[in-house]
Protein backbone atom coordinates (compact mmCIF):
# COMPACT_ATOMS: atom_id res chain seq x y z
CA VAL A 1 -10.06 54.27 0.90
CA ALA A 2 -7.01 53.42 -2.02
CA ALA A 3 -8.44 50.40 -4.53
CA ARG A 4 -6.80 47.27 -4.07
CA ASP A 5 -4.31 46.61 -6.56
CA ASN A 6 -4.88 42.67 -7.69
CA ARG A 7 -2.93 42.62 -10.39
CA GLN A 8 -0.87 39.57 -10.19
CA PRO A 9 3.07 39.70 -9.69
CA ILE A 10 5.31 39.88 -12.79
CA PRO A 11 7.23 36.31 -13.43
CA ASN A 12 10.67 36.17 -13.56
CA LYS A 13 11.14 36.18 -17.05
CA PHE A 14 14.76 36.47 -17.30
CA ALA A 15 13.85 32.74 -15.10
CA TYR A 16 11.62 31.66 -17.15
CA LYS A 17 13.25 31.46 -20.39
CA ARG A 18 16.39 29.53 -18.80
CA THR A 19 13.58 26.40 -18.23
CA GLU A 20 12.57 26.80 -21.44
CA LEU A 21 15.70 26.64 -23.07
CA ALA A 22 17.21 24.14 -20.81
CA LYS A 23 14.94 21.84 -21.94
CA ALA A 24 14.72 22.23 -25.01
CA ALA A 25 18.60 21.44 -24.91
CA LEU A 26 17.54 18.07 -23.00
CA GLU A 27 17.89 16.30 -25.42
CA THR A 28 20.64 17.39 -27.72
CA LEU A 29 22.29 16.95 -24.57
CA ALA A 30 20.89 13.33 -24.63
CA GLU A 31 22.26 12.29 -27.70
CA LEU A 32 25.35 13.25 -27.38
CA GLY A 33 26.32 13.21 -23.71
CA PHE A 34 28.39 15.83 -22.38
CA ALA A 35 31.47 15.21 -24.21
CA ASN A 36 30.92 15.93 -27.21
CA THR A 37 27.97 18.91 -27.12
CA SER A 38 28.94 22.39 -27.41
CA LEU A 39 26.15 25.09 -27.49
CA ARG A 40 27.10 25.93 -30.33
CA ASP A 41 25.12 22.14 -30.96
CA ILE A 42 22.80 22.47 -29.07
CA ALA A 43 21.77 25.75 -30.79
CA GLN A 44 22.26 23.87 -33.64
CA ASN A 45 19.53 21.49 -32.58
CA THR A 46 17.14 24.09 -31.38
CA LYS A 47 15.04 26.63 -32.78
CA TYR A 48 17.42 28.67 -30.79
CA SER A 49 20.80 31.36 -31.36
CA HIS A 50 23.89 30.42 -30.32
CA GLY A 51 23.83 34.34 -29.39
CA VAL A 52 20.55 33.53 -27.27
CA LEU A 53 21.81 30.67 -25.19
CA HIS A 54 24.94 33.06 -24.58
CA TYR A 55 22.85 35.32 -22.81
CA TYR A 56 21.11 32.67 -20.92
CA PHE A 57 23.90 30.54 -20.14
CA LYS A 58 27.59 31.78 -18.69
CA ASP A 59 28.83 28.89 -20.15
CA LYS A 60 28.36 24.85 -21.40
CA VAL A 61 28.42 24.19 -17.44
CA ASP A 62 25.36 26.39 -16.38
CA LEU A 63 22.71 25.34 -19.49
CA ILE A 64 24.08 21.24 -19.10
CA THR A 65 23.52 22.08 -15.23
CA CYS A 66 20.58 23.90 -15.27
CA SER A 67 19.33 20.77 -17.76
CA VAL A 68 19.66 18.51 -15.32
CA HIS A 69 18.44 19.67 -12.20
CA ASP A 70 14.81 20.77 -14.29
CA TYR A 71 14.95 17.04 -15.15
CA LYS A 72 15.60 15.00 -12.41
CA SER A 73 13.30 17.13 -10.28
CA ILE A 74 10.92 15.79 -12.01
CA CYS A 75 12.31 12.45 -11.84
CA ALA A 76 11.99 13.00 -7.26
CA THR A 77 8.43 13.38 -7.20
CA ARG A 78 8.00 10.29 -10.07
CA TYR A 79 6.87 8.22 -7.08
CA ASP A 80 5.12 10.90 -4.84
CA VAL A 81 1.45 9.82 -6.12
CA LEU A 82 2.00 6.28 -5.51
CA VAL A 83 3.89 6.77 -1.99
CA ASP A 84 0.40 9.03 -1.78
CA THR A 85 -2.18 6.76 -2.10
CA ALA A 86 -1.23 2.77 -2.48
CA LYS A 87 -3.07 0.83 -0.09
CA THR A 88 -2.10 -2.39 0.09
CA GLU A 89 2.50 -3.47 0.31
CA ALA A 90 1.20 -5.70 -3.36
CA GLU A 91 -0.17 -2.46 -4.54
CA PHE A 92 2.67 -0.76 -3.93
CA LEU A 93 5.48 -3.45 -4.80
CA GLU A 94 3.82 -3.13 -8.38
CA GLY A 95 3.00 0.43 -8.78
CA PHE A 96 6.99 0.47 -7.88
CA GLY A 97 8.03 -2.05 -10.80
CA GLU A 98 6.10 -0.15 -12.60
CA ILE A 99 7.63 3.01 -12.63
CA ALA A 100 11.20 1.68 -12.35
CA ALA A 101 11.10 0.09 -15.44
CA ASP A 102 8.70 2.61 -17.75
CA SER A 103 11.25 4.67 -16.51
CA LEU A 104 14.05 3.49 -17.99
CA LEU A 105 12.50 2.02 -21.30
CA LYS A 106 10.92 5.66 -21.78
CA GLU A 107 13.81 8.18 -20.58
CA ALA A 108 17.45 6.17 -21.33
CA PRO A 109 19.27 8.64 -22.62
CA LEU A 110 18.40 11.61 -19.99
CA HIS A 111 19.20 8.76 -17.66
CA ARG A 112 22.59 8.45 -19.91
CA LEU A 113 23.08 11.64 -19.12
CA TRP A 114 22.62 12.33 -15.41
CA TYR A 115 25.41 8.93 -14.91
CA ASP A 116 27.09 10.93 -17.36
CA LEU A 117 27.35 14.20 -15.63
CA ARG A 118 27.38 12.78 -12.14
CA VAL A 119 30.85 11.00 -13.14
CA GLN A 120 32.12 14.46 -13.94
CA SER A 121 31.71 15.70 -11.17
CA MET A 122 34.49 13.65 -9.83
CA PHE A 123 36.90 15.40 -12.51
CA SER A 124 35.81 18.92 -12.10
CA ASP A 125 34.46 21.36 -9.79
CA ALA A 126 31.96 23.34 -11.76
CA TYR A 127 29.52 20.83 -11.73
CA ARG A 128 29.99 18.83 -7.92
CA GLY A 129 27.75 21.41 -6.49
CA ASN A 130 24.58 20.83 -8.17
CA ILE A 131 25.08 17.41 -8.76
CA MET A 132 25.50 16.54 -4.99
CA GLU A 133 23.00 18.33 -4.25
CA ILE A 134 20.43 17.07 -7.14
CA ASP A 135 22.10 13.32 -5.42
CA ALA A 136 20.74 14.20 -2.41
CA THR A 137 16.35 14.58 -3.36
CA LEU A 138 17.34 11.07 -5.38
CA GLU A 139 18.02 10.18 -2.06
CA ARG A 140 15.49 11.07 -0.45
CA MET A 141 13.22 10.76 -2.71
CA THR A 142 13.79 6.82 -2.55
CA TRP A 143 13.77 6.68 1.20
CA ARG A 144 10.90 7.82 1.16
CA ILE A 145 9.66 4.95 -0.78
CA PHE A 146 11.38 2.75 1.54
CA GLU A 147 10.37 4.15 4.98
CA LYS A 148 6.05 3.86 2.52
CA PHE A 149 7.01 -0.12 2.19
CA CYS A 150 8.31 -0.41 5.46
CA SER A 151 5.28 0.87 7.26
CA PHE A 152 2.84 -1.96 5.45
CA ALA A 153 4.94 -4.38 8.15
CA ASP A 154 5.08 -1.63 10.68
CA ILE A 155 8.40 -1.80 10.32
CA THR A 156 10.95 1.20 11.66
CA PRO A 157 13.72 1.58 9.04
CA GLN A 158 17.41 1.06 9.99
CA GLN A 159 19.06 0.79 7.15
CA SER A 160 20.81 4.34 6.50
CA SER A 161 19.16 6.19 3.80
CA THR A 162 22.88 6.77 1.66
CA ARG A 163 22.53 3.38 1.53
CA VAL A 164 19.53 1.76 0.25
CA TYR A 165 19.99 4.65 -2.25
CA GLY A 166 23.43 3.15 -3.17
CA LEU A 167 21.16 -0.05 -3.92
CA PHE A 168 19.07 1.27 -6.06
CA ASP A 169 20.68 3.21 -7.73
CA GLY A 170 23.42 0.47 -8.58
CA MET A 171 20.42 -1.44 -9.56
CA PHE A 172 19.19 0.75 -12.01
CA GLN A 173 22.33 1.57 -13.64
CA THR A 174 23.58 -1.88 -13.85
CA ALA A 175 20.08 -2.42 -15.68
CA LEU A 176 20.64 1.16 -16.99
CA LEU A 177 24.08 0.08 -19.34
CA HIS A 178 22.33 -3.23 -20.13
CA TYR A 179 19.43 -1.64 -21.71
CA LEU A 180 21.94 1.26 -23.84
CA ASN A 181 23.81 -2.08 -25.04
CA GLY A 182 21.73 -4.04 -26.38
CA THR A 183 21.66 -6.95 -23.39
CA THR A 184 20.01 -8.26 -21.06
CA PRO A 185 21.70 -10.28 -18.29
CA GLU A 186 19.73 -14.10 -18.28
CA GLY A 187 16.13 -13.62 -15.71
CA PHE A 188 17.09 -10.40 -14.84
CA ASP A 189 13.62 -7.97 -15.37
CA LEU A 190 14.28 -4.68 -14.01
CA LYS A 191 10.74 -4.45 -12.97
CA SER A 192 10.51 -7.33 -10.81
CA ALA A 193 14.57 -7.06 -9.87
CA MET A 194 13.47 -3.48 -7.92
CA ARG A 195 10.47 -4.84 -6.09
CA GLU A 196 12.80 -8.29 -4.94
CA LEU A 197 15.51 -5.39 -4.22
CA LEU A 198 13.24 -3.45 -2.13
CA ILE A 199 12.05 -6.68 0.15
CA ASP A 200 15.24 -7.82 1.09
CA ILE A 201 16.52 -4.42 2.14
CA ARG A 202 13.19 -4.62 4.57
CA ALA A 203 13.99 -7.99 6.12
CA LEU A 204 17.49 -7.62 7.30
CA ASP A 205 14.84 -4.27 8.98
CA GLY A 206 12.93 -7.25 10.00
CA ALA A 207 15.11 -9.20 11.20
CA SER A 208 17.73 -6.86 13.77
């Protein structure tokens, strides 16, 4: 009988290296933005040479979309534990607001890069497909949050996932803009605002 081959399959080293480089580039991209960043800028701010970046990425578009895609893929799972484990409505609301506010405060430059790239996709076909894919992932994330919240009141959601996502995304983007500008609308608190928005949207379903 032939001996069983217990060796594990060799991972895709090329894909792994692309991910590693994309993570290294993310900080520079977040700081400088889309328009002001070249592969040479990224190379100067990481331990990797310009030639290495060119070997793994065909151009700046390829590198940026890979970086943002990997980051937003992590963002899309940020609320999963809360959705899976929250036992009460109060616990869920508190956790939801805290996660949103914490993300804004700790990762503002990365969120800014995402919105920058999303605007660029309106002008360039090179980005549009990837941006729409990421956006759809974030929409599904938001819908899971809303469905979970509705379940506490035994309500079946009637809103469209696109509408729910648009409302929350608009709230977050507005808060980000004020945060980056160093100003805050009077009486505005993102943690409370996100919780109140969740309640308000569910109330529309409950009244229908």
